């Protein structure tokens, strides 16, 4: 009987501690997600300024596409790669999460 009492006490203690740890875990998860998003944004390749070599590092972009990207600059938005017929839509769909079209700073 004593064992059962100890077991119930231990289970109750764990049950009471779990809610206190949940907000910390949620906060940690939120911080990790924010950090990942910031990291991802910093890793995007700017199609307005990247070199041909940097553009060729994008999966699906080779010599011809990288040259077309450079030759058709500047871009107001990355989807202009399709509207200006620089990339076919299928290729664009594969690379759109890896690129950005930054605008020059206003003077």
Protein backbone atom coordinates (compact mmCIF):
# COMPACT_ATOMS: atom_id res chain seq x y z
CA UNK A 1 0.00 0.00 0.00
CA UNK A 2 2.87 2.35 0.76
CA UNK A 3 4.27 1.79 -2.74
CA UNK A 4 0.94 2.81 -4.28
CA UNK A 5 0.89 5.97 -2.17
CA UNK A 6 4.42 6.90 -3.28
CA UNK A 7 3.55 6.18 -6.90
CA UNK A 8 0.45 8.37 -6.79
CA UNK A 9 2.40 11.19 -5.14
CA UNK A 10 5.10 10.95 -7.82
CA UNK A 11 2.54 11.00 -10.64
CA UNK A 12 0.75 13.99 -9.14
CA UNK A 13 4.04 15.84 -8.81
CA UNK A 14 4.85 15.20 -12.47
CA UNK A 15 1.38 16.26 -13.54
CA UNK A 16 1.69 19.53 -11.65
CA UNK A 17 5.16 20.25 -13.05
CA UNK A 18 4.23 19.61 -16.71
CA UNK A 19 2.05 22.72 -17.16
CA UNK A 20 4.79 24.89 -15.67
CA UNK A 21 7.27 23.58 -18.24
CA UNK A 22 4.90 23.89 -21.21
CA UNK A 23 5.18 27.70 -21.56
CA UNK A 24 8.97 27.50 -21.44
CA UNK A 25 9.00 24.86 -24.17
CA UNK A 26 6.58 26.93 -26.25
CA UNK A 27 8.75 30.03 -25.79
CA UNK A 28 11.86 28.08 -26.77
CA UNK A 29 10.10 26.74 -29.86
CA UNK A 30 8.99 30.26 -30.83
CA UNK A 31 12.53 31.59 -30.43
CA UNK A 32 13.89 28.76 -32.57
CA UNK A 33 11.32 29.43 -35.29
CA UNK A 34 12.14 33.14 -35.29
CA UNK A 35 15.84 32.42 -35.49
CA UNK A 36 15.29 30.01 -38.39
CA UNK A 37 13.22 32.59 -40.26
CA UNK A 38 15.86 35.29 -39.74
CA UNK A 39 18.58 32.92 -40.84
CA UNK A 40 16.63 31.93 -43.92
CA UNK A 41 16.02 35.56 -44.92
CA UNK A 42 19.73 36.24 -44.56
CA UNK A 43 20.56 33.29 -46.78
CA UNK A 44 18.38 34.35 -49.70
CA UNK A 45 20.20 35.24 -52.90
CA UNK A 46 19.40 38.69 -54.26
CA UNK A 47 18.72 38.37 -57.98
CA UNK A 48 19.47 42.08 -58.47
CA UNK A 49 23.04 41.95 -57.15
CA UNK A 50 24.26 38.34 -57.11
CA UNK A 51 27.12 37.37 -59.35
CA UNK A 52 26.68 34.77 -62.09
CA UNK A 53 28.63 32.31 -59.95
CA UNK A 54 26.37 32.92 -56.95
CA UNK A 55 23.27 32.49 -59.12
CA UNK A 56 24.66 29.21 -60.46
CA UNK A 57 24.84 27.92 -56.88
CA UNK A 58 21.02 27.82 -56.85
CA UNK A 59 19.78 24.31 -57.75
CA UNK A 60 18.27 24.42 -61.25
CA UNK A 61 20.09 27.57 -62.33
CA UNK A 62 22.99 26.98 -64.69
CA UNK A 63 25.06 29.08 -67.08
CA UNK A 64 22.21 30.08 -69.41
CA UNK A 65 19.66 31.00 -66.72
CA UNK A 66 22.19 32.89 -64.60
CA UNK A 67 23.24 34.96 -67.63
CA UNK A 68 19.58 35.69 -68.49
CA UNK A 69 18.91 36.76 -64.89
CA UNK A 70 21.82 39.21 -64.97
CA UNK A 71 20.96 40.50 -68.47
CA UNK A 72 17.35 41.33 -67.49
CA UNK A 73 18.08 43.27 -64.29
CA UNK A 74 16.71 45.10 -62.37
CA UNK A 75 13.73 43.25 -60.91
CA UNK A 76 11.05 44.90 -58.77
CA UNK A 77 9.93 41.49 -57.52
CA UNK A 78 11.27 37.99 -57.90
CA UNK A 79 8.19 36.84 -59.82
CA UNK A 80 9.39 39.05 -62.69
CA UNK A 81 11.70 36.18 -63.56
CA UNK A 82 8.57 34.54 -64.98
CA UNK A 83 6.77 37.63 -66.30
CA UNK A 84 9.91 38.78 -68.15
CA UNK A 85 10.27 35.20 -69.46
CA UNK A 86 13.70 34.79 -67.87
CA UNK A 87 12.75 31.49 -66.22
CA UNK A 88 10.00 29.00 -67.00
CA UNK A 89 7.38 28.74 -64.27
CA UNK A 90 8.51 25.21 -63.31
CA UNK A 91 12.08 26.36 -62.64
CA UNK A 92 10.84 29.45 -60.81
CA UNK A 93 8.66 27.30 -58.55
CA UNK A 94 11.76 25.35 -57.52
CA UNK A 95 13.90 28.42 -56.75
CA UNK A 96 11.42 31.04 -55.47
CA UNK A 97 12.07 30.16 -51.81
CA UNK A 98 15.82 30.63 -52.28
CA UNK A 99 15.84 34.09 -53.87
CA UNK A 100 14.84 37.68 -53.19
CA UNK A 101 14.72 40.87 -55.25
CA UNK A 102 15.97 43.61 -52.97
CA UNK A 103 15.40 47.20 -53.98
CA UNK A 104 18.18 49.79 -53.83
CA UNK A 105 18.02 52.19 -50.90
CA UNK A 106 16.34 55.51 -51.67
CA UNK A 107 18.68 58.48 -51.64
